[in-house]
Amino acid sequence: MGGAGWAAANPAPAPVDRREVATGAGVSSAAVLRTDPWVWEGLQGRVMHSRSFSIYTTETDPMIIGRMPGFLDAGVEHYITAITPLPRPTSRLETFVMGDRGQWQRLTLAMLGEQGRTLTYIERGGFAYGGRSFLFDIGAADTLAIAVHEGWHQYTQRTFRDRLPSWAEEGLATLMEGHRWTGNDVVFLPWSNLERFDRLRDAAGKRTLLPLETVLTANPQALMQKGFDAPVTWYAQLWALMHFLREGAGGKYRPALDRLVADAAAGRMGRAMAIQLDDPRASSLLAQRSGLQVFRAYFARDLGPFEAEYRAFITAVIGPGGRNAVVDGRAPAAATSNHNRAP
């Protein structure tokens, strides 16, 4: 669906990059500035207003209720600093957290009409549309992880002047998932994402990794029709791709990633693509959200050599010691050394 960001299946508790945001007491219920009553289908709910969010909820789990407002506020601080400096949202983002899937399905249809019908088939997850996210209780840890993933989509939908292609939009959302709690304190650690790591390793072991061109041109809705494996493998590979662009190959792609995100936020992508591709039609490609052409404009005209480097990076990530590093929330040493470059 145009304009929708979504994630199916259990988003894993994820990690942080050492530049990321560490937040303290602000993640507690003290983040709530005001609470108003909200009634849905006769159920007495509430609206919790924090600095950056208005959270409409029928949820009763005290862990979710207590942590969500401050956690999402901390997520925004992460969004605007994790890649390159980005603007803060100018108004509160609206998030709906329903107590169960049935409530969530009915709310989706009430808010989006029939165009939201296919989204109600998501069994475990949520989606963002028009700067709002729609979630339901899938357990405290997973509900928070999906909330910060969808929160990235809410943020870009409301703040960015150009829309990123699906591979970048969804890949960056997976990068935002990683976090770790110590009491009421949260730290965002993009590497600390065992679910994405385990799926990546499993697909590599089964030789079912998707070709780079598929990764760059696919969209989650189409992949859903191929069954469970294809979309979760795609998300895992996007998670790896974002880490590669940030840290792999000696960091040579990081400036281009920073530039892509900054250009999307400022509305400069079309002009940048036209210059890089020497093609005045690039703006029309941008309108079509051509993920392949955006990638070629910013990172590599020839996919072959890049894919070899990217696959070498994946091999290094999932190699000996890789899982222990991810458990610790740090990059596998072999993945971020200059030695992971393909010959």
C-alpha atoms as a PDB file:
ATOM      1  CA  MET A   1       0.000   0.000   0.000  1.00  0.00           C
ATOM      2  CA  GLY A   2       1.397   3.379  -0.942  1.00  0.00           C
ATOM      3  CA  GLY A   3       2.649   5.319   2.016  1.00  0.00           C
ATOM      4  CA  ALA A   4       2.566   2.396   4.402  1.00  0.00           C
ATOM      5  CA  GLY A   5       5.493   1.073   6.324  1.00  0.00           C
ATOM      6  CA  TRP A   6       5.038  -2.231   8.124  1.00  0.00           C
ATOM      7  CA  ALA A   7       6.789  -5.117   9.768  1.00  0.00           C
ATOM      8  CA  ALA A   8       5.429  -8.613  10.096  1.00  0.00           C
ATOM      9  CA  ALA A   9       6.558 -11.275  12.516  1.00  0.00           C
ATOM     10  CA  ASN A  10       8.411 -10.815  15.761  1.00  0.00           C
ATOM     11  CA  PRO A  11      10.715  -7.831  15.481  1.00  0.00           C
ATOM     12  CA  ALA A  12      13.713  -8.715  17.588  1.00  0.00           C
ATOM     13  CA  PRO A  13      15.067  -6.739  20.448  1.00  0.00           C
ATOM     14  CA  ALA A  14      17.877  -4.947  18.670  1.00  0.00           C
ATOM     15  CA  PRO A  15      21.099  -3.066  19.184  1.00  0.00           C
ATOM     16  CA  VAL A  16      22.996   0.188  19.184  1.00  0.00           C
ATOM     17  CA  ASP A  17      25.911   1.780  17.563  1.00  0.00           C
ATOM     18  CA  ARG A  18      28.275   3.389  19.995  1.00  0.00           C
ATOM     19  CA  ARG A  19      27.209   6.811  18.725  1.00  0.00           C
ATOM     20  CA  GLU A  20      23.623   6.086  19.602  1.00  0.00           C
ATOM     21  CA  VAL A  21      21.414   7.543  22.250  1.00  0.00           C
ATOM     22  CA  ALA A  22      21.495   6.475  25.865  1.00  0.00           C
ATOM     23  CA  THR A  23      18.511   7.717  27.820  1.00  0.00           C
ATOM     24  CA  GLY A  24      17.896   7.634  31.509  1.00  0.00           C
ATOM     25  CA  ALA A  25      14.889   8.359  33.680  1.00  0.00           C
ATOM     26  CA  GLY A  26      13.073   9.957  30.756  1.00  0.00           C
ATOM     27  CA  VAL A  27      11.974   6.483  29.634  1.00  0.00           C
ATOM     28  CA  SER A  28       9.776   6.091  32.667  1.00  0.00           C
ATOM     29  CA  SER A  29       6.171   7.183  33.104  1.00  0.00           C
ATOM     30  CA  ALA A  30       7.518  10.672  33.882  1.00  0.00           C
ATOM     31  CA  ALA A  31       7.648  11.120  30.092  1.00  0.00           C
ATOM     32  CA  VAL A  32       3.839  11.433  30.061  1.00  0.00           C
ATOM     33  CA  LEU A  33       2.932  15.106  30.044  1.00  0.00           C
ATOM     34  CA  ARG A  34      -0.834  14.595  30.089  1.00  0.00           C
ATOM     35  CA  THR A  35      -3.303  11.707  29.993  1.00  0.00           C
ATOM     36  CA  ASP A  36      -6.807  12.036  28.550  1.00  0.00           C
ATOM     37  CA  PRO A  37      -9.628   9.491  28.420  1.00  0.00           C
ATOM     38  CA  TRP A  38     -10.231   7.673  25.114  1.00  0.00           C
ATOM     39  CA  VAL A  39     -13.124   5.318  24.458  1.00  0.00           C
ATOM     40  CA  TRP A  40     -12.987   2.698  21.695  1.00  0.00           C
ATOM     41  CA  GLU A  41     -15.946   0.372  21.063  1.00  0.00           C
ATOM     42  CA  GLY A  42     -17.146   1.014  24.586  1.00  0.00           C
ATOM     43  CA  LEU A  43     -13.751   0.153  26.076  1.00  0.00           C
ATOM     44  CA  GLN A  44     -12.264   2.731  28.393  1.00  0.00           C
ATOM     45  CA  GLY A  45      -8.817   3.574  27.094  1.00  0.00           C
ATOM     46  CA  ARG A  46      -6.478   6.522  27.378  1.00  0.00           C
ATOM     47  CA  VAL A  47      -4.385   8.944  25.362  1.00  0.00           C
ATOM     48  CA  MET A  48      -0.898   9.502  26.743  1.00  0.00           C
ATOM     49  CA  HIS A  49       0.782  12.653  25.458  1.00  0.00           C
ATOM     50  CA  SER A  50       4.568  12.807  25.620  1.00  0.00           C
ATOM     51  CA  ARG A  51       6.987  15.248  24.046  1.00  0.00           C
ATOM     52  CA  SER A  52       6.863  13.608  20.611  1.00  0.00           C
ATOM     53  CA  PHE A  53       3.853  11.259  20.664  1.00  0.00           C
ATOM     54  CA  SER A  54       0.178  10.944  21.416  1.00  0.00           C
ATOM     55  CA  ILE A  55      -0.439   7.284  22.232  1.00  0.00           C
ATOM     56  CA  TYR A  56      -4.039   6.084  21.972  1.00  0.00           C
ATOM     57  CA  THR A  57      -4.381   2.780  23.749  1.00  0.00           C
ATOM     58  CA  THR A  58      -6.693   0.165  25.209  1.00  0.00           C
ATOM     59  CA  GLU A  59      -3.651  -1.752  26.470  1.00  0.00           C
ATOM     60  CA  THR A  60      -3.612  -2.853  30.109  1.00  0.00           C
ATOM     61  CA  ASP A  61      -0.133  -4.392  30.429  1.00  0.00           C
ATOM     62  CA  PRO A  62       1.662  -2.094  32.907  1.00  0.00           C
ATOM     63  CA  MET A  63       5.053  -2.802  31.283  1.00  0.00           C
ATOM     64  CA  ILE A  64       3.867  -1.591  27.863  1.00  0.00           C
ATOM     65  CA  ILE A  65       1.904   1.337  29.283  1.00  0.00           C
ATOM     66  CA  GLY A  66       4.705   2.395  31.584  1.00  0.00           C
ATOM     67  CA  ARG A  67       7.545   2.218  29.084  1.00  0.00           C
ATOM     68  CA  MET A  68       5.992   3.141  25.733  1.00  0.00           C
ATOM     69  CA  PRO A  69       5.840   6.973  25.984  1.00  0.00           C
ATOM     70  CA  GLY A  70       9.426   7.519  27.130  1.00  0.00           C
ATOM     71  CA  PHE A  71      10.713   4.749  24.888  1.00  0.00           C
ATOM     72  CA  LEU A  72       9.181   6.296  21.767  1.00  0.00           C
ATOM     73  CA  ASP A  73      10.467   9.740  22.750  1.00  0.00           C
ATOM     74  CA  ALA A  74      13.949   8.241  23.117  1.00  0.00           C
ATOM     75  CA  GLY A  75      13.433   6.596  19.727  1.00  0.00           C
ATOM     76  CA  VAL A  76      12.971   9.998  18.091  1.00  0.00           C
ATOM     77  CA  GLU A  77      16.248  11.175  19.612  1.00  0.00           C
ATOM     78  CA  HIS A  78      17.813   8.083  18.052  1.00  0.00           C
ATOM     79  CA  TYR A  79      16.227   8.723  14.630  1.00  0.00           C
ATOM     80  CA  ILE A  80      17.550  12.264  14.378  1.00  0.00           C
ATOM     81  CA  THR A  81      21.124  11.380  15.364  1.00  0.00           C
ATOM     82  CA  ALA A  82      21.827   7.768  14.330  1.00  0.00           C
ATOM     83  CA  ILE A  83      22.673   8.392  10.655  1.00  0.00           C
ATOM     84  CA  THR A  84      23.117  12.101  10.068  1.00  0.00           C
ATOM     85  CA  PRO A  85      21.600  15.133  11.843  1.00  0.00           C
ATOM     86  CA  LEU A  86      17.903  15.282  10.970  1.00  0.00           C
ATOM     87  CA  PRO A  87      15.053  17.649  11.836  1.00  0.00           C
ATOM     88  CA  ARG A  88      12.834  17.006  14.811  1.00  0.00           C
ATOM     89  CA  PRO A  89       9.103  16.408  14.108  1.00  0.00           C
ATOM     90  CA  THR A  90       7.141  19.633  14.322  1.00  0.00           C
ATOM     91  CA  SER A  91       4.084  18.007  15.911  1.00  0.00           C
ATOM     92  CA  ARG A  92       3.281  14.914  17.953  1.00  0.00           C
ATOM     93  CA  LEU A  93       3.088  11.595  16.104  1.00  0.00           C
ATOM     94  CA  GLU A  94      -0.013   9.497  16.738  1.00  0.00           C
ATOM     95  CA  THR A  95       0.416   5.863  17.738  1.00  0.00           C
ATOM     96  CA  PHE A  96      -2.431   3.419  18.385  1.00  0.00           C
ATOM     97  CA  VAL A  97      -1.656   0.473  20.659  1.00  0.00           C
ATOM     98  CA  MET A  98      -4.610  -1.875  20.927  1.00  0.00           C
ATOM     99  CA  GLY A  99      -5.067  -4.534  23.572  1.00  0.00           C
ATOM    100  CA  ASP A 100      -5.548  -7.377  21.108  1.00  0.00           C
ATOM    101  CA  ARG A 101      -5.477  -8.193  17.403  1.00  0.00           C
ATOM    102  CA  GLY A 102      -9.244  -8.085  16.973  1.00  0.00           C
ATOM    103  CA  GLN A 103      -9.445  -4.524  18.257  1.00  0.00           C
ATOM    104  CA  TRP A 104      -6.508  -3.616  15.995  1.00  0.00           C
ATOM    105  CA  GLN A 105      -8.160  -5.131  12.920  1.00  0.00           C
ATOM    106  CA  ARG A 106     -11.403  -3.250  13.533  1.00  0.00           C
ATOM    107  CA  LEU A 107      -9.558   0.005  14.190  1.00  0.00           C
ATOM    108  CA  THR A 108      -7.561  -0.443  10.961  1.00  0.00           C
ATOM    109  CA  LEU A 109     -10.748  -0.852   8.917  1.00  0.00           C
ATOM    110  CA  ALA A 110     -12.414   2.057  10.696  1.00  0.00           C
ATOM    111  CA  MET A 111      -9.477   4.379  10.020  1.00  0.00           C
ATOM    112  CA  LEU A 112      -8.393   3.203   6.553  1.00  0.00           C
ATOM    113  CA  GLY A 113     -11.514   1.584   5.108  1.00  0.00           C
ATOM    114  CA  GLU A 114     -11.179  -1.203   2.582  1.00  0.00           C
ATOM    115  CA  GLN A 115      -7.694  -0.081   1.571  1.00  0.00           C
ATOM    116  CA  GLY A 116      -6.573  -1.356   4.962  1.00  0.00           C
ATOM    117  CA  ARG A 117      -8.092  -4.810   4.470  1.00  0.00           C
ATOM    118  CA  THR A 118      -4.882  -6.558   3.409  1.00  0.00           C
ATOM    119  CA  LEU A 119      -3.012  -5.058   6.363  1.00  0.00           C
ATOM    120  CA  THR A 120      -5.405  -6.760   8.784  1.00  0.00           C
ATOM    121  CA  TYR A 121      -3.994 -10.105   7.631  1.00  0.00           C
ATOM    122  CA  ILE A 122      -0.718  -9.405   9.438  1.00  0.00           C
ATOM    123  CA  GLU A 123      -0.739 -11.954  12.223  1.00  0.00           C
ATOM    124  CA  ARG A 124       1.984 -10.494  14.381  1.00  0.00           C
ATOM    125  CA  GLY A 125       3.275  -7.007  13.815  1.00  0.00           C
ATOM    126  CA  GLY A 126       1.918  -3.626  12.811  1.00  0.00           C
ATOM    127  CA  PHE A 127       2.114  -0.871  10.222  1.00  0.00           C
ATOM    128  CA  ALA A 128       2.418   2.873   9.782  1.00  0.00           C
ATOM    129  CA  TYR A 129       0.347   4.968   7.409  1.00  0.00           C
ATOM    130  CA  GLY A 130       0.166   8.721   6.967  1.00  0.00           C
ATOM    131  CA  GLY A 131       2.372   9.408   9.972  1.00  0.00           C
ATOM    132  CA  ARG A 132       0.326   7.189  12.297  1.00  0.00           C
ATOM    133  CA  SER A 133       1.199   3.708  13.496  1.00  0.00           C
ATOM    134  CA  PHE A 134      -1.227   0.920  14.330  1.00  0.00           C
ATOM    135  CA  LEU A 135      -0.021  -1.736  16.760  1.00  0.00           C
ATOM    136  CA  PHE A 136      -1.408  -4.372  19.104  1.00  0.00           C
ATOM    137  CA  ASP A 137      -0.108  -6.312  22.088  1.00  0.00           C
ATOM    138  CA  ILE A 138       2.284  -9.081  20.985  1.00  0.00           C
ATOM    139  CA  GLY A 139       4.116  -9.220  24.301  1.00  0.00           C
ATOM    140  CA  ALA A 140       5.933  -6.357  25.961  1.00  0.00           C
ATOM    141  CA  ALA A 141       9.373  -6.772  24.353  1.00  0.00           C
ATOM    142  CA  ASP A 142       8.082  -7.336  20.821  1.00  0.00           C
ATOM    143  CA  THR A 143       5.442  -4.611  21.050  1.00  0.00           C
ATOM    144  CA  LEU A 144       8.111  -2.081  21.987  1.00  0.00           C
ATOM    145  CA  ALA A 145      10.444  -3.282  19.226  1.00  0.00           C
ATOM    146  CA  ILE A 146       7.728  -3.029  16.568  1.00  0.00           C
ATOM    147  CA  ALA A 147       6.734   0.398  17.945  1.00  0.00           C
ATOM    148  CA  VAL A 148      10.205   1.863  17.415  1.00  0.00           C
ATOM    149  CA  HIS A 149      10.427   0.250  13.944  1.00  0.00           C
ATOM    150  CA  GLU A 150       7.097   1.751  12.920  1.00  0.00           C
ATOM    151  CA  GLY A 151       8.014   4.949  14.715  1.00  0.00           C
ATOM    152  CA  TRP A 152      10.781   5.453  12.132  1.00  0.00           C
ATOM    153  CA  HIS A 153       8.161   5.189   9.370  1.00  0.00           C
ATOM    154  CA  GLN A 154       5.923   7.669  11.174  1.00  0.00           C
ATOM    155  CA  TYR A 155       8.844  10.032  11.504  1.00  0.00           C
ATOM    156  CA  THR A 156       9.847   9.919   7.822  1.00  0.00           C
ATOM    157  CA  GLN A 157       6.252  10.083   6.611  1.00  0.00           C
ATOM    158  CA  ARG A 158       5.729  13.292   8.559  1.00  0.00           C
ATOM    159  CA  THR A 159       9.167  14.866   8.243  1.00  0.00           C
ATOM    160  CA  PHE A 160      10.946  13.836   5.019  1.00  0.00           C
ATOM    161  CA  ARG A 161      10.209  15.796   1.857  1.00  0.00           C
ATOM    162  CA  ASP A 162      11.231  12.894  -0.415  1.00  0.00           C
ATOM    163  CA  ARG A 163      10.259   9.300   0.178  1.00  0.00           C
ATOM    164  CA  LEU A 164      13.046   6.805   0.486  1.00  0.00           C
ATOM    165  CA  PRO A 165      12.790   3.628  -1.608  1.00  0.00           C
ATOM    166  CA  SER A 166      11.523   0.570   0.265  1.00  0.00           C
ATOM    167  CA  TRP A 167      14.954  -0.986   0.753  1.00  0.00           C
ATOM    168  CA  ALA A 168      16.279   2.126   2.486  1.00  0.00           C
ATOM    169  CA  GLU A 169      13.099   2.956   4.408  1.00  0.00           C
ATOM    170  CA  GLU A 170      12.639  -0.552   5.768  1.00  0.00           C
ATOM    171  CA  GLY A 171      16.361  -1.154   6.211  1.00  0.00           C
ATOM    172  CA  LEU A 172      16.755   1.940   8.351  1.00  0.00           C
ATOM    173  CA  ALA A 173      13.698   0.919  10.375  1.00  0.00           C
ATOM    174  CA  THR A 174      15.365  -2.412  11.211  1.00  0.00           C
ATOM    175  CA  LEU A 175      18.469  -0.486  12.245  1.00  0.00           C
ATOM    176  CA  MET A 176      16.354   1.495  14.722  1.00  0.00           C
ATOM    177  CA  GLU A 177      14.951  -1.625  16.425  1.00  0.00           C
ATOM    178  CA  GLY A 178      18.012  -2.554  18.473  1.00  0.00           C
ATOM    179  CA  HIS A 179      17.852  -1.600  22.091  1.00  0.00           C
ATOM    180  CA  ARG A 180      18.659  -2.827  25.565  1.00  0.00           C
ATOM    181  CA  TRP A 181      17.120  -2.076  28.945  1.00  0.00           C
ATOM    182  CA  THR A 182      18.759  -1.640  32.329  1.00  0.00           C
ATOM    183  CA  GLY A 183      15.920  -1.000  34.714  1.00  0.00           C
ATOM    184  CA  ASN A 184      14.098   2.006  33.295  1.00  0.00           C
ATOM    185  CA  ASP A 185      17.055   3.084  31.164  1.00  0.00           C
ATOM    186  CA  VAL A 186      17.240   2.208  27.465  1.00  0.00           C
ATOM    187  CA  VAL A 187      20.195   2.243  25.112  1.00  0.00           C
ATOM    188  CA  PHE A 188      19.736   1.917  21.364  1.00  0.00           C
ATOM    189  CA  LEU A 189      22.235  -0.569  19.869  1.00  0.00           C
ATOM    190  CA  PRO A 190      21.683  -1.308  16.171  1.00  0.00           C
ATOM    191  CA  TRP A 191      23.871  -4.426  16.239  1.00  0.00           C
ATOM    192  CA  SER A 192      22.025  -6.003  19.160  1.00  0.00           C
ATOM    193  CA  ASN A 193      19.339  -7.701  17.096  1.00  0.00           C
ATOM    194  CA  LEU A 194      19.445 -11.472  17.467  1.00  0.00           C
ATOM    195  CA  GLU A 195      16.269 -12.067  15.501  1.00  0.00           C
ATOM    196  CA  ARG A 196      17.636 -10.368  12.390  1.00  0.00           C
ATOM    197  CA  PHE A 197      21.030 -12.025  12.904  1.00  0.00           C
ATOM    198  CA  ASP A 198      19.614 -15.533  13.358  1.00  0.00           C
ATOM    199  CA  ARG A 199      17.417 -15.173  10.297  1.00  0.00           C
ATOM    200  CA  LEU A 200      20.370 -13.931   8.244  1.00  0.00           C
ATOM    201  CA  ARG A 201      22.528 -16.865   9.342  1.00  0.00           C
ATOM    202  CA  ASP A 202      19.737 -19.356   8.701  1.00  0.00           C
ATOM    203  CA  ALA A 203      19.120 -18.057   5.160  1.00  0.00           C
ATOM    204  CA  ALA A 204      22.827 -18.072   4.395  1.00  0.00           C
ATOM    205  CA  GLY A 205      23.132 -21.637   5.651  1.00  0.00           C
ATOM    206  CA  LYS A 206      20.191 -22.765   3.512  1.00  0.00           C
ATOM    207  CA  ARG A 207      21.484 -20.777   0.516  1.00  0.00           C
ATOM    208  CA  THR A 208      18.222 -18.830   0.331  1.00  0.00           C
ATOM    209  CA  LEU A 209      19.674 -15.320   0.555  1.00  0.00           C
ATOM    210  CA  LEU A 210      17.996 -13.028  -1.958  1.00  0.00           C
ATOM    211  CA  PRO A 211      20.037 -11.547  -4.828  1.00  0.00           C
ATOM    212  CA  LEU A 212      20.973  -7.909  -4.285  1.00  0.00           C
ATOM    213  CA  GLU A 213      18.769  -6.737  -7.156  1.00  0.00           C
ATOM    214  CA  THR A 214      15.772  -8.453  -5.520  1.00  0.00           C
ATOM    215  CA  VAL A 215      16.622  -6.823  -2.194  1.00  0.00           C
ATOM    216  CA  LEU A 216      16.658  -3.414  -3.883  1.00  0.00           C
ATOM    217  CA  THR A 217      13.454  -3.820  -5.897  1.00  0.00           C
ATOM    218  CA  ALA A 218      11.179  -5.880  -3.630  1.00  0.00           C
ATOM    219  CA  ASN A 219       8.444  -4.533  -1.414  1.00  0.00           C
ATOM    220  CA  PRO A 220       7.021  -6.157   1.718  1.00  0.00           C
ATOM    221  CA  GLN A 221       3.466  -6.457   0.441  1.00  0.00           C
ATOM    222  CA  ALA A 222       4.544  -8.449  -2.617  1.00  0.00           C
ATOM    223  CA  LEU A 223       6.896 -10.624  -0.562  1.00  0.00           C
ATOM    224  CA  MET A 224       4.069 -11.497   1.834  1.00  0.00           C
ATOM    225  CA  GLN A 225       2.368 -13.351  -0.997  1.00  0.00           C
ATOM    226  CA  LYS A 226       5.383 -15.693  -1.277  1.00  0.00           C
ATOM    227  CA  GLY A 227       4.976 -16.959   2.282  1.00  0.00           C
ATOM    228  CA  PHE A 228       6.690 -16.261   5.586  1.00  0.00           C
ATOM    229  CA  ASP A 229      10.316 -16.915   4.650  1.00  0.00           C
ATOM    230  CA  ALA A 230      10.750 -14.345   1.874  1.00  0.00           C
ATOM    231  CA  PRO A 231       9.797 -11.202   3.822  1.00  0.00           C
ATOM    232  CA  VAL A 232      11.686 -12.107   6.993  1.00  0.00           C
ATOM    233  CA  THR A 233      14.799 -12.948   4.956  1.00  0.00           C
ATOM    234  CA  TRP A 234      14.415  -9.615   3.127  1.00  0.00           C
ATOM    235  CA  TYR A 235      14.270  -7.715   6.411  1.00  0.00           C
ATOM    236  CA  ALA A 236      17.315  -9.577   7.737  1.00  0.00           C
ATOM    237  CA  GLN A 237      19.281  -8.775   4.587  1.00  0.00           C
ATOM    238  CA  LEU A 238      18.241  -5.128   4.785  1.00  0.00           C
ATOM    239  CA  TRP A 239      19.483  -5.045   8.377  1.00  0.00           C
ATOM    240  CA  ALA A 240      22.816  -6.417   7.160  1.00  0.00           C
ATOM    241  CA  LEU A 241      22.849  -4.005   4.200  1.00  0.00           C
ATOM    242  CA  MET A 242      22.404  -0.984   6.475  1.00  0.00           C
ATOM    243  CA  HIS A 243      25.265  -2.137   8.685  1.00  0.00           C
ATOM    244  CA  PHE A 244      27.403  -2.711   5.610  1.00  0.00           C
ATOM    245  CA  LEU A 245      26.695   0.774   4.282  1.00  0.00           C
ATOM    246  CA  ARG A 246      27.533   2.265   7.672  1.00  0.00           C
ATOM    247  CA  GLU A 247      30.571   0.238   8.669  1.00  0.00           C
ATOM    248  CA  GLY A 248      31.631  -2.294   6.057  1.00  0.00           C
ATOM    249  CA  ALA A 249      34.363  -2.084   3.409  1.00  0.00           C
ATOM    250  CA  GLY A 250      36.397   0.246   5.559  1.00  0.00           C
ATOM    251  CA  GLY A 251      33.491   2.697   5.860  1.00  0.00           C
ATOM    252  CA  LYS A 252      33.719   3.827   2.233  1.00  0.00           C
ATOM    253  CA  TYR A 253      29.933   3.854   1.718  1.00  0.00           C
ATOM    254  CA  ARG A 254      29.033   5.738   4.900  1.00  0.00           C
ATOM    255  CA  PRO A 255      29.251   9.250   3.363  1.00  0.00           C
ATOM    256  CA  ALA A 256      26.853   8.207   0.588  1.00  0.00           C
ATOM    257  CA  LEU A 257      24.380   6.812   3.127  1.00  0.00           C
ATOM    258  CA  ASP A 258      24.528  10.028   5.134  1.00  0.00           C
ATOM    259  CA  ARG A 259      23.969  12.000   1.932  1.00  0.00           C
ATOM    260  CA  LEU A 260      20.999   9.859   0.846  1.00  0.00           C
ATOM    261  CA  VAL A 261      19.207  10.309   4.162  1.00  0.00           C
ATOM    262  CA  ALA A 262      19.941  14.031   4.324  1.00  0.00           C
ATOM    263  CA  ASP A 263      18.792  14.512   0.713  1.00  0.00           C
ATOM    264  CA  ALA A 264      15.534  12.649   1.359  1.00  0.00           C
ATOM    265  CA  ALA A 265      14.820  14.766   4.420  1.00  0.00           C
ATOM    266  CA  ALA A 266      15.508  17.999   2.543  1.00  0.00           C
ATOM    267  CA  GLY A 267      13.824  17.048  -0.752  1.00  0.00           C
ATOM    268  CA  ARG A 268      17.039  16.946  -2.809  1.00  0.00           C
ATOM    269  CA  MET A 269      16.974  13.343  -4.030  1.00  0.00           C
ATOM    270  CA  GLY A 270      15.665  14.028  -7.534  1.00  0.00           C
ATOM    271  CA  ARG A 271      18.311  16.624  -8.297  1.00  0.00           C
ATOM    272  CA  ALA A 272      21.075  14.479  -6.826  1.00  0.00           C
ATOM    273  CA  MET A 273      19.986  11.474  -8.896  1.00  0.00           C
ATOM    274  CA  ALA A 274      19.849  13.537 -12.081  1.00  0.00           C
ATOM    275  CA  ILE A 275      23.421  14.688 -11.508  1.00  0.00           C
ATOM    276  CA  GLN A 276      24.836  11.315 -10.491  1.00  0.00           C
ATOM    277  CA  LEU A 277      23.099   9.377 -13.267  1.00  0.00           C
ATOM    278  CA  ASP A 278      23.497  12.186 -15.807  1.00  0.00           C
ATOM    279  CA  ASP A 279      19.836  11.681 -16.619  1.00  0.00           C
ATOM    280  CA  PRO A 280      17.249  14.502 -16.409  1.00  0.00           C
ATOM    281  CA  ARG A 281      14.531  11.856 -16.100  1.00  0.00           C
ATOM    282  CA  ALA A 282      15.800  10.885 -12.656  1.00  0.00           C
ATOM    283  CA  SER A 283      13.020  12.872 -10.998  1.00  0.00           C
ATOM    284  CA  SER A 284      10.439  10.628 -12.647  1.00  0.00           C
ATOM    285  CA  LEU A 285      12.363   7.591 -11.392  1.00  0.00           C
ATOM    286  CA  LEU A 286      12.210   9.100  -7.923  1.00  0.00           C
ATOM    287  CA  ALA A 287       8.441   9.531  -8.233  1.00  0.00           C
ATOM    288  CA  GLN A 288       8.228   5.820  -9.038  1.00  0.00           C
ATOM    289  CA  ARG A 289      10.391   5.071  -5.978  1.00  0.00           C
ATOM    290  CA  SER A 290      12.813   3.162  -8.149  1.00  0.00           C
ATOM    291  CA  GLY A 291      14.954   1.521  -5.504  1.00  0.00           C
ATOM    292  CA  LEU A 292      17.447   0.244  -8.028  1.00  0.00           C
ATOM    293  CA  GLN A 293      18.094   3.643  -9.584  1.00  0.00           C
ATOM    294  CA  VAL A 294      18.372   5.355  -6.214  1.00  0.00           C
ATOM    295  CA  PHE A 295      20.974   2.785  -5.218  1.00  0.00           C
ATOM    296  CA  ARG A 296      22.916   3.255  -8.443  1.00  0.00           C
ATOM    297  CA  ALA A 297      22.877   7.023  -8.059  1.00  0.00           C
ATOM    298  CA  TYR A 298      24.195   7.012  -4.508  1.00  0.00           C
ATOM    299  CA  PHE A 299      26.263   3.854  -4.099  1.00  0.00           C
ATOM    300  CA  ALA A 300      27.275   1.832  -7.159  1.00  0.00           C
ATOM    301  CA  ARG A 301      26.392   1.874 -10.842  1.00  0.00           C
ATOM    302  CA  ASP A 302      27.581  -1.724 -11.213  1.00  0.00           C
ATOM    303  CA  LEU A 303      25.851  -4.081  -8.773  1.00  0.00           C
ATOM    304  CA  GLY A 304      28.273  -6.972  -9.299  1.00  0.00           C
ATOM    305  CA  PRO A 305      31.339  -5.736  -7.388  1.00  0.00           C
ATOM    306  CA  PHE A 306      29.173  -4.219  -4.662  1.00  0.00           C
ATOM    307  CA  GLU A 307      27.239  -7.464  -4.201  1.00  0.00           C
ATOM    308  CA  ALA A 308      30.497  -9.373  -3.822  1.00  0.00           C
ATOM    309  CA  GLU A 309      31.552  -7.006  -1.024  1.00  0.00           C
ATOM    310  CA  TYR A 310      28.117  -7.197   0.595  1.00  0.00           C
ATOM    311  CA  ARG A 311      28.079 -11.017   0.538  1.00  0.00           C
ATOM    312  CA  ALA A 312      31.596 -11.084   1.996  1.00  0.00           C
ATOM    313  CA  PHE A 313      30.345  -8.809   4.770  1.00  0.00           C
ATOM    314  CA  ILE A 314      27.425 -11.153   5.529  1.00  0.00           C
ATOM    315  CA  THR A 315      29.831 -14.099   5.664  1.00  0.00           C
ATOM    316  CA  ALA A 316      31.976 -12.176   8.147  1.00  0.00           C
ATOM    317  CA  VAL A 317      28.989 -11.150  10.276  1.00  0.00           C
ATOM    318  CA  ILE A 318      27.672 -14.706  10.684  1.00  0.00           C
ATOM    319  CA  GLY A 319      31.134 -16.254  11.053  1.00  0.00           C
ATOM    320  CA  PRO A 320      32.823 -17.435  14.255  1.00  0.00           C
ATOM    321  CA  GLY A 321      32.199 -15.039  17.112  1.00  0.00           C
ATOM    322  CA  GLY A 322      29.540 -13.112  15.218  1.00  0.00           C
ATOM    323  CA  ARG A 323      26.599 -14.143  17.349  1.00  0.00           C
ATOM    324  CA  ASN A 324      28.438 -13.416  20.603  1.00  0.00           C
ATOM    325  CA  ALA A 325      29.250  -9.943  19.332  1.00  0.00           C
ATOM    326  CA  VAL A 326      25.598  -9.307  18.442  1.00  0.00           C
ATOM    327  CA  VAL A 327      24.536 -10.541  21.883  1.00  0.00           C
ATOM    328  CA  ASP A 328      26.892  -7.917  23.314  1.00  0.00           C
ATOM    329  CA  GLY A 329      25.436  -5.239  21.013  1.00  0.00           C
ATOM    330  CA  ARG A 330      28.642  -4.701  19.056  1.00  0.00           C
ATOM    331  CA  ALA A 331      29.789  -5.256  15.503  1.00  0.00           C
ATOM    332  CA  PRO A 332      31.509  -8.556  14.746  1.00  0.00           C
ATOM    333  CA  ALA A 333      35.183  -7.644  14.448  1.00  0.00           C
ATOM    334  CA  ALA A 334      35.627  -9.479  11.141  1.00  0.00           C
ATOM    335  CA  ALA A 335      32.704  -7.581   9.602  1.00  0.00           C
ATOM    336  CA  THR A 336      34.055  -4.090  10.132  1.00  0.00           C
ATOM    337  CA  SER A 337      37.698  -4.718   9.299  1.00  0.00           C
ATOM    338  CA  ASN A 338      39.154  -3.853   5.926  1.00  0.00           C
ATOM    339  CA  HIS A 339      39.741  -7.564   5.393  1.00  0.00           C
ATOM    340  CA  ASN A 340      36.104  -8.300   4.574  1.00  0.00           C
ATOM    341  CA  ARG A 341      36.400  -6.797   1.116  1.00  0.00           C
ATOM    342  CA  ALA A 342      35.872  -9.114  -1.764  1.00  0.00           C
ATOM    343  CA  PRO A 343      38.988  -9.710  -3.899  1.00  0.00           C
END
